[in-house]
C-alpha atoms as a PDB file:
ATOM      1  CA  MET A   1     -25.139-109.424  34.861  1.00  0.00           C
ATOM      2  CA  PRO A   2     -22.649-111.516  32.893  1.00  0.00           C
ATOM      3  CA  GLU A   3     -21.163-109.754  29.960  1.00  0.00           C
ATOM      4  CA  ARG A   4     -21.345-111.603  26.625  1.00  0.00           C
ATOM      5  CA  ARG A   5     -19.488-111.222  23.420  1.00  0.00           C
ATOM      6  CA  HIS A   6     -21.507-111.508  20.227  1.00  0.00           C
ATOM      7  CA  GLY A   7     -19.472-113.524  17.812  1.00  0.00           C
ATOM      8  CA  ALA A   8     -21.455-112.315  14.782  1.00  0.00           C
ATOM      9  CA  ALA A   9     -21.012-108.723  15.648  1.00  0.00           C
ATOM     10  CA  GLY A  10     -17.200-108.796  16.034  1.00  0.00           C
ATOM     11  CA  PHE A  11     -16.829-105.099  16.081  1.00  0.00           C
ATOM     12  CA  CYS A  12     -17.757-104.998  19.731  1.00  0.00           C
ATOM     13  CA  GLY A  13     -14.663-104.666  21.795  1.00  0.00           C
ATOM     14  CA  THR A  14     -13.769-103.005  25.165  1.00  0.00           C
ATOM     15  CA  THR A  15     -13.488 -99.334  25.776  1.00  0.00           C
ATOM     16  CA  SER A  16     -14.733 -96.623  28.150  1.00  0.00           C
ATOM     17  CA  LEU A  17     -16.937 -93.541  27.810  1.00  0.00           C
ATOM     18  CA  GLY A  18     -15.430 -90.187  27.262  1.00  0.00           C
ATOM     19  CA  LYS A  19     -14.796 -87.768  30.205  1.00  0.00           C
ATOM     20  CA  ASN A  20     -17.966 -86.220  31.644  1.00  0.00           C
ATOM     21  CA  PHE A  21     -16.930 -83.527  33.999  1.00  0.00           C
ATOM     22  CA  ILE A  22     -19.682 -82.785  36.392  1.00  0.00           C
ATOM     23  CA  ALA A  23     -20.082 -80.502  39.405  1.00  0.00           C
ATOM     24  CA  ARG A  24     -21.568 -81.249  42.800  1.00  0.00           C
ATOM     25  CA  THR A  25     -24.837 -79.688  43.857  1.00  0.00           C
ATOM     26  CA  GLY A  26     -27.203 -79.974  46.703  1.00  0.00           C
ATOM     27  CA  PRO A  27     -30.643 -81.416  46.783  1.00  0.00           C
ATOM     28  CA  ALA A  28     -33.655 -79.697  45.112  1.00  0.00           C
ATOM     29  CA  ARG A  29     -36.093 -78.288  47.635  1.00  0.00           C
ATOM     30  CA  LEU A  30     -39.391 -76.289  47.171  1.00  0.00           C
ATOM     31  CA  HIS A  31     -38.679 -72.737  47.959  1.00  0.00           C
ATOM     32  CA  GLY A  32     -40.787 -69.585  47.214  1.00  0.00           C
ATOM     33  CA  GLY A  33     -42.925 -71.395  44.624  1.00  0.00           C
ATOM     34  CA  GLY A  34     -40.090 -73.116  42.779  1.00  0.00           C
ATOM     35  CA  PHE A  35     -37.136 -75.377  43.250  1.00  0.00           C
ATOM     36  CA  ARG A  36     -33.719 -74.289  44.311  1.00  0.00           C
ATOM     37  CA  ARG A  37     -30.629 -76.198  45.135  1.00  0.00           C
ATOM     38  CA  PHE A  38     -29.014 -75.877  48.515  1.00  0.00           C
ATOM     39  CA  PRO A  39     -25.408 -76.952  49.325  1.00  0.00           C
ATOM     40  CA  LEU A  40     -25.274 -79.984  51.643  1.00  0.00           C
ATOM     41  CA  GLU A  41     -22.930 -80.126  54.720  1.00  0.00           C
ATOM     42  CA  SER A  42     -20.199 -82.672  54.394  1.00  0.00           C
ATOM     43  CA  HIS A  43     -20.523 -85.606  56.692  1.00  0.00           C
ATOM     44  CA  THR A  44     -17.485 -87.291  57.997  1.00  0.00           C
ATOM     45  CA  MET A  45     -17.356 -90.874  59.290  1.00  0.00           C
ATOM     46  CA  SER A  46     -16.112 -91.583  62.748  1.00  0.00           C
ATOM     47  CA  ALA A  47     -15.191 -95.172  61.766  1.00  0.00           C
ATOM     48  CA  PRO A  48     -15.149 -97.375  58.653  1.00  0.00           C
ATOM     49  CA  LEU A  49     -18.362 -98.952  57.721  1.00  0.00           C
ATOM     50  CA  SER A  50     -18.758-102.607  56.871  1.00  0.00           C
ATOM     51  CA  ILE A  51     -20.178-102.586  53.352  1.00  0.00           C
ATOM     52  CA  ALA A  52     -21.749-105.387  51.289  1.00  0.00           C
ATOM     53  CA  PHE A  53     -21.437-104.517  47.567  1.00  0.00           C
ATOM     54  CA  ILE A  54     -23.547-106.722  45.294  1.00  0.00           C
ATOM     55  CA  GLY A  55     -22.850-106.512  41.577  1.00  0.00           C
ATOM     56  CA  THR A  56     -19.278-106.057  40.544  1.00  0.00           C
ATOM     57  CA  GLY A  57     -19.657-105.626  36.772  1.00  0.00           C
ATOM     58  CA  VAL A  58     -18.506-102.864  34.449  1.00  0.00           C
ATOM     59  CA  MET A  59     -19.377-100.068  36.789  1.00  0.00           C
ATOM     60  CA  GLY A  60     -19.888-101.780  40.224  1.00  0.00           C
ATOM     61  CA  ARG A  61     -16.334-103.021  40.463  1.00  0.00           C
ATOM     62  CA  SER A  62     -14.916 -99.511  40.223  1.00  0.00           C
ATOM     63  CA  MET A  63     -17.433 -98.177  42.663  1.00  0.00           C
ATOM     64  CA  ALA A  64     -16.669-100.947  45.164  1.00  0.00           C
ATOM     65  CA  GLY A  65     -13.015-100.333  44.741  1.00  0.00           C
ATOM     66  CA  HIS A  66     -13.225 -96.630  45.643  1.00  0.00           C
ATOM     67  CA  LEU A  67     -15.025 -97.626  48.870  1.00  0.00           C
ATOM     68  CA  GLN A  68     -12.396-100.280  49.566  1.00  0.00           C
ATOM     69  CA  LYS A  69      -9.531 -97.840  49.084  1.00  0.00           C
ATOM     70  CA  ALA A  70     -11.296 -95.352  51.399  1.00  0.00           C
ATOM     71  CA  GLY A  71     -10.907 -97.871  54.185  1.00  0.00           C
ATOM     72  CA  HIS A  72     -14.364 -99.664  54.255  1.00  0.00           C
ATOM     73  CA  PRO A  73     -14.242-103.347  54.752  1.00  0.00           C
ATOM     74  CA  LEU A  74     -16.081-105.013  51.825  1.00  0.00           C
ATOM     75  CA  HIS A  75     -18.272-108.047  51.553  1.00  0.00           C
ATOM     76  CA  VAL A  76     -18.787-108.825  47.990  1.00  0.00           C
ATOM     77  CA  TYR A  77     -21.114-111.032  45.801  1.00  0.00           C
ATOM     78  CA  ASN A  78     -21.480-111.243  42.066  1.00  0.00           C
ATOM     79  CA  ARG A  79     -23.135-113.785  39.806  1.00  0.00           C
ATOM     80  CA  THR A  80     -19.831-114.260  38.084  1.00  0.00           C
ATOM     81  CA  ARG A  81     -17.289-114.596  40.742  1.00  0.00           C
ATOM     82  CA  GLU A  82     -14.281-113.752  38.615  1.00  0.00           C
ATOM     83  CA  LYS A  83     -15.562-110.167  38.198  1.00  0.00           C
ATOM     84  CA  ALA A  84     -15.007-109.729  42.061  1.00  0.00           C
ATOM     85  CA  SER A  85     -11.530-111.284  42.036  1.00  0.00           C
ATOM     86  CA  ALA A  86      -9.601-108.113  42.109  1.00  0.00           C
ATOM     87  CA  LEU A  87     -11.637-106.787  45.127  1.00  0.00           C
ATOM     88  CA  VAL A  88     -11.129-110.100  46.869  1.00  0.00           C
ATOM     89  CA  GLU A  89      -7.395-110.097  46.201  1.00  0.00           C
ATOM     90  CA  ALA A  90      -7.395-106.542  47.785  1.00  0.00           C
ATOM     91  CA  GLY A  91      -9.013-107.859  50.923  1.00  0.00           C
ATOM     92  CA  ALA A  92     -12.803-108.009  50.294  1.00  0.00           C
ATOM     93  CA  THR A  93     -14.638-111.031  51.739  1.00  0.00           C
ATOM     94  CA  TRP A  94     -16.457-113.146  49.199  1.00  0.00           C
ATOM     95  CA  HIS A  95     -19.955-114.576  49.931  1.00  0.00           C
ATOM     96  CA  ASP A  96     -21.924-117.070  47.949  1.00  0.00           C
ATOM     97  CA  SER A  97     -25.100-115.059  47.916  1.00  0.00           C
ATOM     98  CA  ALA A  98     -26.288-111.425  48.241  1.00  0.00           C
ATOM     99  CA  GLY A  99     -28.192-112.259  51.472  1.00  0.00           C
ATOM    100  CA  ALA A 100     -25.052-113.758  53.012  1.00  0.00           C
ATOM    101  CA  ALA A 101     -23.090-110.625  52.261  1.00  0.00           C
ATOM    102  CA  ALA A 102     -25.881-108.468  53.458  1.00  0.00           C
ATOM    103  CA  ALA A 103     -26.007-110.180  56.884  1.00  0.00           C
ATOM    104  CA  GLN A 104     -22.414-109.024  57.579  1.00  0.00           C
ATOM    105  CA  ALA A 105     -22.794-105.336  56.641  1.00  0.00           C
ATOM    106  CA  ASP A 106     -23.798-101.961  58.134  1.00  0.00           C
ATOM    107  CA  VAL A 107     -24.533-100.741  54.560  1.00  0.00           C
ATOM    108  CA  VAL A 108     -25.697-102.746  51.547  1.00  0.00           C
ATOM    109  CA  ILE A 109     -25.129-101.400  48.026  1.00  0.00           C
ATOM    110  CA  THR A 110     -26.404-103.050  44.850  1.00  0.00           C
ATOM    111  CA  MET A 111     -25.490-102.307  41.275  1.00  0.00           C
ATOM    112  CA  LEU A 112     -27.363-104.862  39.226  1.00  0.00           C
ATOM    113  CA  GLY A 113     -28.636-105.227  35.559  1.00  0.00           C
ATOM    114  CA  PHE A 114     -32.509-105.387  35.392  1.00  0.00           C
ATOM    115  CA  PRO A 115     -35.456-104.871  37.728  1.00  0.00           C
ATOM    116  CA  ILE A 116     -36.094-108.566  38.015  1.00  0.00           C
ATOM    117  CA  ASP A 117     -32.557-108.935  39.343  1.00  0.00           C
ATOM    118  CA  VAL A 118     -33.178-106.129  41.885  1.00  0.00           C
ATOM    119  CA  GLU A 119     -36.537-107.553  43.040  1.00  0.00           C
ATOM    120  CA  THR A 120     -35.170-111.123  43.432  1.00  0.00           C
ATOM    121  CA  THR A 121     -32.053-109.873  45.221  1.00  0.00           C
ATOM    122  CA  TYR A 122     -33.877-107.677  47.643  1.00  0.00           C
ATOM    123  CA  LEU A 123     -37.185-109.395  48.236  1.00  0.00           C
ATOM    124  CA  GLY A 124     -36.647-113.017  47.414  1.00  0.00           C
ATOM    125  CA  SER A 125     -36.219-115.798  49.933  1.00  0.00           C
ATOM    126  CA  GLY A 126     -32.981-115.398  51.712  1.00  0.00           C
ATOM    127  CA  GLY A 127     -32.563-112.015  50.011  1.00  0.00           C
ATOM    128  CA  ILE A 128     -31.247-108.766  51.302  1.00  0.00           C
ATOM    129  CA  VAL A 129     -34.302-107.457  53.179  1.00  0.00           C
ATOM    130  CA  GLU A 130     -34.822-110.770  54.886  1.00  0.00           C
ATOM    131  CA  ARG A 131     -31.135-111.143  56.024  1.00  0.00           C
ATOM    132  CA  ALA A 132     -29.808-107.608  56.464  1.00  0.00           C
ATOM    133  CA  LYS A 133     -28.749-106.632  60.037  1.00  0.00           C
ATOM    134  CA  ALA A 134     -31.193-104.572  62.093  1.00  0.00           C
ATOM    135  CA  GLY A 135     -30.698-100.848  61.356  1.00  0.00           C
ATOM    136  CA  ALA A 136     -28.744-101.523  58.102  1.00  0.00           C
ATOM    137  CA  LEU A 137     -28.869 -98.937  55.316  1.00  0.00           C
ATOM    138  CA  LEU A 138     -29.830-100.476  51.887  1.00  0.00           C
ATOM    139  CA  ILE A 139     -28.877 -98.556  48.724  1.00  0.00           C
ATOM    140  CA  ASP A 140     -29.880 -99.716  45.273  1.00  0.00           C
ATOM    141  CA  MET A 141     -27.770 -97.900  42.610  1.00  0.00           C
ATOM    142  CA  THR A 142     -29.274 -99.853  39.724  1.00  0.00           C
ATOM    143  CA  THR A 143     -31.392 -98.035  37.125  1.00  0.00           C
ATOM    144  CA  SER A 144     -34.703 -99.643  37.934  1.00  0.00           C
ATOM    145  CA  SER A 145     -38.348 -99.064  38.390  1.00  0.00           C
ATOM    146  CA  PRO A 146     -39.756 -96.212  40.552  1.00  0.00           C
ATOM    147  CA  VAL A 147     -42.526 -98.645  41.574  1.00  0.00           C
ATOM    148  CA  LEU A 148     -40.092-101.292  42.687  1.00  0.00           C
ATOM    149  CA  ALA A 149     -38.043 -98.755  44.619  1.00  0.00           C
ATOM    150  CA  ARG A 150     -41.077 -97.912  46.637  1.00  0.00           C
ATOM    151  CA  LYS A 151     -41.873-101.563  47.174  1.00  0.00           C
ATOM    152  CA  ILE A 152     -38.383-102.124  48.473  1.00  0.00           C
ATOM    153  CA  ALA A 153     -38.643 -99.153  50.803  1.00  0.00           C
ATOM    154  CA  ASP A 154     -41.950-100.415  52.273  1.00  0.00           C
ATOM    155  CA  ALA A 155     -40.471-103.892  52.905  1.00  0.00           C
ATOM    156  CA  ALA A 156     -37.284-102.454  54.369  1.00  0.00           C
ATOM    157  CA  LEU A 157     -39.227-100.124  56.718  1.00  0.00           C
ATOM    158  CA  LYS A 158     -41.167-103.099  58.043  1.00  0.00           C
ATOM    159  CA  ARG A 159     -37.960-104.692  59.226  1.00  0.00           C
ATOM    160  CA  GLY A 160     -36.441-101.544  60.699  1.00  0.00           C
ATOM    161  CA  LEU A 161     -34.045-100.949  57.767  1.00  0.00           C
ATOM    162  CA  ALA A 162     -33.391 -97.643  55.906  1.00  0.00           C
ATOM    163  CA  SER A 163     -33.348 -97.632  52.181  1.00  0.00           C
ATOM    164  CA  LEU A 164     -32.417 -95.392  49.322  1.00  0.00           C
ATOM    165  CA  ASP A 165     -32.865 -95.675  45.458  1.00  0.00           C
ATOM    166  CA  ALA A 166     -29.705 -94.025  44.050  1.00  0.00           C
ATOM    167  CA  PRO A 167     -29.242 -94.657  40.316  1.00  0.00           C
ATOM    168  CA  VAL A 168     -26.199 -93.105  38.669  1.00  0.00           C
ATOM    169  CA  SER A 169     -25.054 -91.594  35.333  1.00  0.00           C
ATOM    170  CA  GLY A 170     -21.648 -91.196  34.021  1.00  0.00           C
ATOM    171  CA  GLY A 171     -20.849 -94.548  32.549  1.00  0.00           C
ATOM    172  CA  ASP A 172     -17.804 -96.728  33.126  1.00  0.00           C
ATOM    173  CA  LEU A 173     -15.347 -93.820  33.118  1.00  0.00           C
ATOM    174  CA  GLY A 174     -17.456 -91.827  35.557  1.00  0.00           C
ATOM    175  CA  ALA A 175     -17.346 -94.897  37.818  1.00  0.00           C
ATOM    176  CA  LYS A 176     -13.617 -95.289  37.363  1.00  0.00           C
ATOM    177  CA  GLU A 177     -12.943 -91.548  38.088  1.00  0.00           C
ATOM    178  CA  ALA A 178     -15.456 -91.345  40.928  1.00  0.00           C
ATOM    179  CA  ARG A 179     -17.356 -88.645  38.984  1.00  0.00           C
ATOM    180  CA  LEU A 180     -20.789 -90.240  38.871  1.00  0.00           C
ATOM    181  CA  VAL A 181     -24.083 -88.270  39.065  1.00  0.00           C
ATOM    182  CA  ILE A 182     -26.004 -89.825  41.833  1.00  0.00           C
ATOM    183  CA  MET A 183     -29.825 -89.343  41.790  1.00  0.00           C
ATOM    184  CA  VAL A 184     -31.377 -90.255  45.163  1.00  0.00           C
ATOM    185  CA  GLY A 185     -34.906 -90.999  46.589  1.00  0.00           C
ATOM    186  CA  GLY A 186     -35.625 -91.725  50.125  1.00  0.00           C
ATOM    187  CA  GLU A 187     -35.718 -90.145  53.661  1.00  0.00           C
ATOM    188  CA  ALA A 188     -33.452 -87.275  54.455  1.00  0.00           C
ATOM    189  CA  ALA A 189     -31.890 -89.106  57.455  1.00  0.00           C
ATOM    190  CA  ALA A 190     -30.954 -92.030  55.337  1.00  0.00           C
ATOM    191  CA  PHE A 191     -29.479 -89.781  52.695  1.00  0.00           C
ATOM    192  CA  ALA A 192     -27.315 -88.047  55.374  1.00  0.00           C
ATOM    193  CA  ARG A 193     -25.936 -91.440  56.400  1.00  0.00           C
ATOM    194  CA  ALA A 194     -25.235 -92.368  52.828  1.00  0.00           C
ATOM    195  CA  LYS A 195     -23.673 -89.071  51.527  1.00  0.00           C
ATOM    196  CA  PRO A 196     -20.162 -89.682  52.701  1.00  0.00           C
ATOM    197  CA  LEU A 197     -20.167 -92.855  50.762  1.00  0.00           C
ATOM    198  CA  PHE A 198     -21.728 -91.181  47.729  1.00  0.00           C
ATOM    199  CA  GLU A 199     -18.964 -88.592  47.793  1.00  0.00           C
ATOM    200  CA  ILE A 200     -16.387 -91.357  47.483  1.00  0.00           C
ATOM    201  CA  MET A 201     -18.077 -92.572  44.263  1.00  0.00           C
ATOM    202  CA  GLY A 202     -19.515 -89.392  42.672  1.00  0.00           C
ATOM    203  CA  LYS A 203     -19.516 -85.522  42.469  1.00  0.00           C
ATOM    204  CA  ASN A 204     -23.019 -84.491  41.538  1.00  0.00           C
ATOM    205  CA  ILE A 205     -25.214 -85.841  44.372  1.00  0.00           C
ATOM    206  CA  ALA A 206     -28.883 -84.821  44.907  1.00  0.00           C
ATOM    207  CA  LEU A 207     -31.853 -86.048  46.967  1.00  0.00           C
ATOM    208  CA  HIS A 208     -34.906 -85.487  44.867  1.00  0.00           C
ATOM    209  CA  GLY A 209     -37.662 -86.678  47.221  1.00  0.00           C
ATOM    210  CA  ALA A 210     -39.217 -89.744  48.744  1.00  0.00           C
ATOM    211  CA  ALA A 211     -38.571 -93.455  47.712  1.00  0.00           C
ATOM    212  CA  GLY A 212     -38.667 -93.759  43.915  1.00  0.00           C
ATOM    213  CA  ALA A 213     -37.657 -90.118  43.208  1.00  0.00           C
ATOM    214  CA  GLY A 214     -34.153 -91.051  42.392  1.00  0.00           C
ATOM    215  CA  GLN A 215     -35.409 -93.494  39.750  1.00  0.00           C
ATOM    216  CA  CYS A 216     -37.868 -90.908  38.399  1.00  0.00           C
ATOM    217  CA  CYS A 217     -34.855 -88.480  37.927  1.00  0.00           C
ATOM    218  CA  LYS A 218     -32.908 -91.277  36.247  1.00  0.00           C
ATOM    219  CA  MET A 219     -35.692 -91.916  33.835  1.00  0.00           C
ATOM    220  CA  ALA A 220     -35.778 -88.120  32.867  1.00  0.00           C
ATOM    221  CA  ASN A 221     -32.089 -88.550  32.249  1.00  0.00           C
ATOM    222  CA  GLN A 222     -32.530 -91.643  30.084  1.00  0.00           C
ATOM    223  CA  ILE A 223     -35.270 -90.017  28.077  1.00  0.00           C
ATOM    224  CA  ALA A 224     -32.918 -87.126  27.172  1.00  0.00           C
ATOM    225  CA  VAL A 225     -30.162 -89.605  26.382  1.00  0.00           C
ATOM    226  CA  ALA A 226     -32.162 -91.973  24.164  1.00  0.00           C
ATOM    227  CA  VAL A 227     -33.911 -89.256  22.166  1.00  0.00           C
ATOM    228  CA  GLY A 228     -30.618 -87.288  21.824  1.00  0.00           C
ATOM    229  CA  MET A 229     -28.848 -90.315  20.491  1.00  0.00           C
ATOM    230  CA  VAL A 230     -31.423 -90.386  17.601  1.00  0.00           C
ATOM    231  CA  ALA A 231     -30.802 -86.803  16.945  1.00  0.00           C
ATOM    232  CA  TRP A 232     -27.037 -86.870  16.287  1.00  0.00           C
ATOM    233  CA  VAL A 233     -27.202 -90.307  14.533  1.00  0.00           C
ATOM    234  CA  GLU A 234     -29.737 -88.959  12.036  1.00  0.00           C
ATOM    235  CA  ALA A 235     -27.666 -85.843  11.519  1.00  0.00           C
ATOM    236  CA  LEU A 236     -24.616 -87.755  10.656  1.00  0.00           C
ATOM    237  CA  ALA A 237     -26.505 -90.348   8.625  1.00  0.00           C
ATOM    238  CA  TYR A 238     -27.956 -87.605   6.592  1.00  0.00           C
ATOM    239  CA  ALA A 239     -24.623 -86.001   5.958  1.00  0.00           C
ATOM    240  CA  LYS A 240     -23.155 -89.191   4.684  1.00  0.00           C
ATOM    241  CA  LYS A 241     -26.120 -89.935   2.403  1.00  0.00           C
ATOM    242  CA  ALA A 242     -25.739 -86.389   1.050  1.00  0.00           C
ATOM    243  CA  GLY A 243     -22.195 -87.168  -0.004  1.00  0.00           C
ATOM    244  CA  LEU A 244     -20.487 -85.186   2.702  1.00  0.00           C
ATOM    245  CA  ASP A 245     -17.728 -86.393   5.025  1.00  0.00           C
ATOM    246  CA  PRO A 246     -19.539 -87.083   8.319  1.00  0.00           C
ATOM    247  CA  ALA A 247     -16.415 -86.556  10.328  1.00  0.00           C
ATOM    248  CA  ALA A 248     -15.980 -83.087   8.780  1.00  0.00           C
ATOM    249  CA  VAL A 249     -19.688 -82.360   9.342  1.00  0.00           C
ATOM    250  CA  HIS A 250     -19.267 -83.461  12.951  1.00  0.00           C
ATOM    251  CA  GLY A 251     -16.404 -81.086  13.397  1.00  0.00           C
ATOM    252  CA  SER A 252     -18.645 -78.299  12.185  1.00  0.00           C
ATOM    253  CA  ILE A 253     -21.740 -78.889  14.119  1.00  0.00           C
ATOM    254  CA  SER A 254     -20.550 -80.374  17.367  1.00  0.00           C
ATOM    255  CA  GLY A 255     -19.350 -77.034  18.654  1.00  0.00           C
ATOM    256  CA  GLY A 256     -22.656 -75.216  18.121  1.00  0.00           C
ATOM    257  CA  ALA A 257     -26.253 -75.595  19.159  1.00  0.00           C
ATOM    258  CA  ALA A 258     -26.233 -79.270  17.896  1.00  0.00           C
ATOM    259  CA  GLY A 259     -23.468 -80.265  20.302  1.00  0.00           C
ATOM    260  CA  GLY A 260     -23.886 -82.262  23.437  1.00  0.00           C
ATOM    261  CA  TRP A 261     -22.123 -85.017  25.536  1.00  0.00           C
ATOM    262  CA  ALA A 262     -23.011 -87.843  23.124  1.00  0.00           C
ATOM    263  CA  MET A 263     -22.233 -85.837  20.026  1.00  0.00           C
ATOM    264  CA  THR A 264     -18.807 -85.062  21.554  1.00  0.00           C
ATOM    265  CA  ASN A 265     -18.054 -88.420  23.012  1.00  0.00           C
ATOM    266  CA  LEU A 266     -19.972 -91.103  21.180  1.00  0.00           C
ATOM    267  CA  ALA A 267     -20.344 -89.880  17.619  1.00  0.00           C
ATOM    268  CA  PRO A 268     -16.482 -90.020  17.012  1.00  0.00           C
ATOM    269  CA  ARG A 269     -16.543 -93.653  18.113  1.00  0.00           C
ATOM    270  CA  ALA A 270     -19.325 -94.479  15.780  1.00  0.00           C
ATOM    271  CA  LEU A 271     -17.573 -92.660  12.871  1.00  0.00           C
ATOM    272  CA  SER A 272     -14.463 -94.887  13.534  1.00  0.00           C
ATOM    273  CA  ASP A 273     -16.540 -98.033  13.709  1.00  0.00           C
ATOM    274  CA  ASN A 274     -15.779 -98.466  17.436  1.00  0.00           C
ATOM    275  CA  PHE A 275     -19.036 -99.836  18.909  1.00  0.00           C
ATOM    276  CA  ALA A 276     -17.519-101.123  22.205  1.00  0.00           C
ATOM    277  CA  PRO A 277     -19.894-100.790  25.202  1.00  0.00           C
ATOM    278  CA  GLY A 278     -19.602 -97.920  27.612  1.00  0.00           C
ATOM    279  CA  PHE A 279     -23.276 -98.454  28.002  1.00  0.00           C
ATOM    280  CA  TYR A 280     -25.029-101.496  26.554  1.00  0.00           C
ATOM    281  CA  VAL A 281     -27.790-101.319  23.907  1.00  0.00           C
ATOM    282  CA  LYS A 282     -29.678-103.986  26.006  1.00  0.00           C
ATOM    283  CA  HIS A 283     -29.608-101.599  28.964  1.00  0.00           C
ATOM    284  CA  ILE A 284     -30.855 -98.565  27.222  1.00  0.00           C
ATOM    285  CA  ILE A 285     -33.669-100.597  25.903  1.00  0.00           C
ATOM    286  CA  LYS A 286     -34.485-101.693  29.472  1.00  0.00           C
ATOM    287  CA  ASP A 287     -34.461 -98.098  30.643  1.00  0.00           C
ATOM    288  CA  MET A 288     -36.686 -96.945  27.937  1.00  0.00           C
ATOM    289  CA  LYS A 289     -39.263 -99.661  28.752  1.00  0.00           C
ATOM    290  CA  ILE A 290     -39.218 -98.511  32.480  1.00  0.00           C
ATOM    291  CA  ALA A 291     -39.566 -94.848  31.457  1.00  0.00           C
ATOM    292  CA  LEU A 292     -42.537 -95.676  29.066  1.00  0.00           C
ATOM    293  CA  GLU A 293     -44.306 -97.649  31.751  1.00  0.00           C
ATOM    294  CA  SER A 294     -43.796 -94.835  34.236  1.00  0.00           C
ATOM    295  CA  ALA A 295     -44.992 -92.214  31.728  1.00  0.00           C
ATOM    296  CA  ALA A 296     -48.053 -94.354  31.187  1.00  0.00           C
ATOM    297  CA  GLU A 297     -48.862 -94.393  34.751  1.00  0.00           C
ATOM    298  CA  LEU A 298     -48.661 -90.544  34.654  1.00  0.00           C
ATOM    299  CA  LYS A 299     -50.733 -90.417  31.510  1.00  0.00           C
ATOM    300  CA  LEU A 300     -48.013 -88.730  29.559  1.00  0.00           C
ATOM    301  CA  ASP A 301     -47.268 -89.517  25.992  1.00  0.00           C
ATOM    302  CA  LEU A 302     -43.631 -89.674  24.897  1.00  0.00           C
ATOM    303  CA  PRO A 303     -43.611 -90.099  21.162  1.00  0.00           C
ATOM    304  CA  GLY A 304     -39.886 -89.364  20.797  1.00  0.00           C
ATOM    305  CA  LEU A 305     -39.048 -92.043  23.256  1.00  0.00           C
ATOM    306  CA  VAL A 306     -41.412 -94.502  21.529  1.00  0.00           C
ATOM    307  CA  THR A 307     -39.435 -93.926  18.227  1.00  0.00           C
ATOM    308  CA  ALA A 308     -36.043 -94.352  19.965  1.00  0.00           C
ATOM    309  CA  LYS A 309     -37.149 -97.549  21.525  1.00  0.00           C
ATOM    310  CA  LYS A 310     -38.276 -99.039  18.243  1.00  0.00           C
ATOM    311  CA  LEU A 311     -34.980 -98.092  16.590  1.00  0.00           C
ATOM    312  CA  TYR A 312     -32.907 -99.545  19.416  1.00  0.00           C
ATOM    313  CA  GLU A 313     -35.015-102.790  19.258  1.00  0.00           C
ATOM    314  CA  GLN A 314     -33.922-103.024  15.557  1.00  0.00           C
ATOM    315  CA  VAL A 315     -30.341-102.684  16.621  1.00  0.00           C
ATOM    316  CA  ALA A 316     -30.796-105.520  19.130  1.00  0.00           C
ATOM    317  CA  ALA A 317     -32.403-107.628  16.486  1.00  0.00           C
ATOM    318  CA  ARG A 318     -29.289-107.319  14.438  1.00  0.00           C
ATOM    319  CA  GLY A 319     -27.383-109.004  17.240  1.00  0.00           C
ATOM    320  CA  TRP A 320     -25.830-105.888  18.559  1.00  0.00           C
ATOM    321  CA  GLU A 321     -27.457-105.774  21.996  1.00  0.00           C
ATOM    322  CA  ASP A 322     -24.071-106.142  23.736  1.00  0.00           C
ATOM    323  CA  CYS A 323     -22.636-103.194  21.883  1.00  0.00           C
ATOM    324  CA  GLY A 324     -22.486 -99.671  22.988  1.00  0.00           C
ATOM    325  CA  THR A 325     -25.471 -97.327  22.356  1.00  0.00           C
ATOM    326  CA  GLN A 326     -23.512 -95.575  19.439  1.00  0.00           C
ATOM    327  CA  ALA A 327     -24.374 -98.797  17.420  1.00  0.00           C
ATOM    328  CA  LEU A 328     -27.540 -97.047  16.492  1.00  0.00           C
ATOM    329  CA  TYR A 329     -25.402 -95.196  13.846  1.00  0.00           C
ATOM    330  CA  ARG A 330     -24.531 -98.534  12.318  1.00  0.00           C
ATOM    331  CA  LEU A 331     -28.166 -99.410  11.895  1.00  0.00           C
ATOM    332  CA  TYR A 332     -28.715 -96.149   9.952  1.00  0.00           C
ATOM    333  CA  THR A 333     -25.777 -96.726   7.725  1.00  0.00           C
ATOM    334  CA  SER A 334     -26.535-100.281   6.974  1.00  0.00           C
ATOM    335  CA  LEU A 335     -30.133 -99.737   5.986  1.00  0.00           C
END
């Protein structure tokens, strides 16, 4: 998706998320009445794979770059060509459409913005499913809909293609440092084929079940993220209103039970008026919508997430949708 700067919200610059060190684990499997994690065998590749990488934005270009440096020939496409220029200069082949890139590849990886982008790119006329080579492996790493992931898997199967939904967490720094959390849904055989590639891009890699399971795991992650953002923002907004120094309060509470990744990494940015995006407001709103739709299908009420979504919609309404999610603090302090 094209990145836009909001002139009226000039405090949005460029930065990266703080370090999120994570450990590799194996897939969760049913065992003795509960779920346990089992370590996975490492899979080595006998030869480089031709990879089509579609979506070379904030995270995608780093992920594609790691694959390229590992020796895999890249075929790339992005709606804004300039964002793929560094990869092309390093030897990647540019194509004028996602389908054209997919037609040349053993593996197709997508890192897009919104579910509509995913659906059009995979299932549209001349798209990935239609043009991919027989036997190709399709991997969507966008945070998208579990329902759409299953729809793509069904369409791929009919064409003799393997597919995985494999959304990630870790932000732009996790992508740059190849420390992404990768949550996967799909068949075990397809996961085994993809795992050596995942290990180039991430550290915590788990197969959670059939098609759509990766997206469901990512929704669980985003529910925790969104509701957790409200928690630390309200705590520090309260401290400021009570006449305390929010930075000093942060120093006291971030190391105890109130602490967490966002409190440690995003709160200091908010307190210094740094609202540059590591993860966009517009994207957390998109993820919350998907999570609430999925929860409704499961007949599960999520009042905390409903509240978080309403608050972030107010942030977007202020013209801050292209800022980082820590811009929620600015909303509270400007009310």
